[in-house]
Protein backbone atom coordinates (compact mmCIF):
# COMPACT_ATOMS: atom_id res chain seq x y z
CA UNK A 1 3.76 -0.52 13.49
CA UNK A 2 0.10 0.50 13.75
CA UNK A 3 -1.04 1.09 10.08
CA UNK A 4 -4.84 2.68 9.82
CA UNK A 5 -6.82 4.47 7.38
CA UNK A 6 -8.36 6.71 9.84
CA UNK A 7 -7.24 10.06 11.16
CA UNK A 8 -7.10 9.33 14.97
CA UNK A 9 -6.76 6.13 16.74
CA UNK A 10 -8.97 5.32 19.83
CA UNK A 11 -7.21 5.47 23.35
CA UNK A 12 -4.32 7.12 21.68
CA UNK A 13 -2.98 10.43 21.08
CA UNK A 14 -0.64 11.87 18.78
CA UNK A 15 2.47 13.22 20.18
CA UNK A 16 4.39 13.92 17.19
CA UNK A 17 3.43 14.17 13.22
CA UNK A 18 6.61 13.14 11.56
CA UNK A 19 5.77 13.86 8.13
CA UNK A 20 4.05 12.12 4.90
CA UNK A 21 5.44 8.69 4.35
CA UNK A 22 5.13 6.25 1.23
CA UNK A 23 6.21 2.95 -0.47
CA UNK A 24 6.29 2.92 -4.46
CA UNK A 25 6.16 -0.54 -6.22
CA UNK A 26 5.80 -1.00 -10.17
CA UNK A 27 5.30 -4.60 -11.08
CA UNK A 28 4.75 -6.26 -14.59
CA UNK A 29 3.20 -9.72 -15.30
CA UNK A 30 5.20 -12.03 -17.41
CA UNK A 31 4.54 -12.70 -20.82
CA UNK A 32 2.83 -16.06 -20.17
CA UNK A 33 0.61 -14.28 -17.42
CA UNK A 34 -0.39 -11.73 -19.96
CA UNK A 35 -1.24 -14.41 -22.22
CA UNK A 36 -3.58 -16.38 -19.88
CA UNK A 37 -5.14 -13.28 -18.44
CA UNK A 38 -5.75 -12.02 -22.07
CA UNK A 39 -7.47 -15.35 -22.80
CA UNK A 40 -9.56 -15.30 -19.61
CA UNK A 41 -10.91 -11.83 -20.36
CA UNK A 42 -12.63 -13.37 -23.42
CA UNK A 43 -15.01 -15.27 -21.56
CA UNK A 44 -15.28 -12.74 -18.82
CA UNK A 45 -15.23 -13.12 -14.69
CA UNK A 46 -12.34 -12.57 -12.62
CA UNK A 47 -8.98 -12.72 -13.92
CA UNK A 48 -7.05 -14.08 -10.95
CA UNK A 49 -3.68 -13.41 -12.39
CA UNK A 50 -3.99 -9.87 -12.17
CA UNK A 51 -5.58 -10.15 -8.87
CA UNK A 52 -2.80 -11.82 -7.36
CA UNK A 53 -0.50 -9.28 -8.98
CA UNK A 54 -2.24 -6.29 -7.58
CA UNK A 55 -2.82 -8.00 -3.82
CA UNK A 56 1.34 -8.56 -3.82
CA UNK A 57 1.97 -5.34 -5.09
CA UNK A 58 -0.09 -3.57 -2.50
CA UNK A 59 1.41 -5.87 0.17
CA UNK A 60 4.69 -4.60 -0.83
CA UNK A 61 3.93 -1.12 -1.20
CA UNK A 62 2.74 -1.23 2.40
CA UNK A 63 5.85 -3.29 3.74
CA UNK A 64 8.15 -0.56 2.04
CA UNK A 65 5.96 2.34 3.57
CA UNK A 66 6.08 0.83 6.92
CA UNK A 67 10.27 0.45 6.59
CA UNK A 68 10.23 4.14 5.86
CA UNK A 69 8.19 5.00 8.53
CA UNK A 70 10.55 3.01 10.94
CA UNK A 71 13.62 5.05 9.82
CA UNK A 72 11.64 8.03 10.59
CA UNK A 73 11.09 6.81 14.21
CA UNK A 74 7.41 6.66 13.93
CA UNK A 75 5.57 3.81 15.87
CA UNK A 76 2.09 4.70 13.69
CA UNK A 77 1.08 5.57 10.45
CA UNK A 78 -2.24 7.30 9.86
CA UNK A 79 -4.58 8.36 7.03
CA UNK A 80 -2.94 5.47 5.06
CA UNK A 81 -4.27 5.24 1.15
CA UNK A 82 -3.41 3.62 -2.05
CA UNK A 83 -2.95 5.19 -5.47
CA UNK A 84 -2.47 3.06 -8.62
CA UNK A 85 -1.73 3.25 -12.09
CA UNK A 86 -0.69 1.63 -15.36
CA UNK A 87 2.68 2.63 -16.87
CA UNK A 88 2.85 1.29 -20.90
CA UNK A 89 -0.14 -0.94 -20.75
CA UNK A 90 1.84 -3.84 -19.25
CA UNK A 91 3.03 -2.41 -15.83
CA UNK A 92 1.26 -1.84 -12.82
CA UNK A 93 2.13 1.16 -9.94
CA UNK A 94 1.03 1.34 -6.84
CA UNK A 95 1.74 3.80 -4.32
CA UNK A 96 0.89 3.32 -0.18
CA UNK A 97 1.14 6.76 1.70
CA UNK A 98 -0.01 8.03 4.98
CA UNK A 99 1.33 10.08 7.82
CA UNK A 100 4.06 8.78 9.98
CA UNK A 101 3.58 9.74 13.46
CA UNK A 102 4.44 8.78 17.37
CA UNK A 103 1.67 7.69 19.13
CA UNK A 104 1.27 7.65 22.99
CA UNK A 105 -1.65 5.95 24.88
CA UNK A 106 -4.24 8.49 26.52
CA UNK A 107 -4.18 8.93 29.73
CA UNK A 108 -6.76 7.47 31.67
C-alpha cells in the first residue's frame, strides 16, 4: 500500500477515488511514565517518554488507516495527514487520514 502526502503520484494515474479513510488511536502513558516525564520537564529538553508515545501512536494510526483502505479495495492513500489532540490531560489522540484510491501506472 502506497501512502503519500501528495495529491498525485509520479508516473501513476488515479483510476478510482474510493473516499476518505482514517485510523484513530488514543493512548495514555502509565503513571510511572507520567511521573518520569514530569520530572524531566523540570530541567527542560526532550522528553523521550512522550516522543516514543507519539511516534508509536502515529505508526499505529497509519496501520489502522491502511487496514481500512485495504478493506475498501484501495492500493494507495493520497493526501495523508495527521491530526492530534489531548483528552483529559492524560491521553493523546492521533488520527491519520487521507483519500483511498486505486492507482494505475501511467501509460508510456
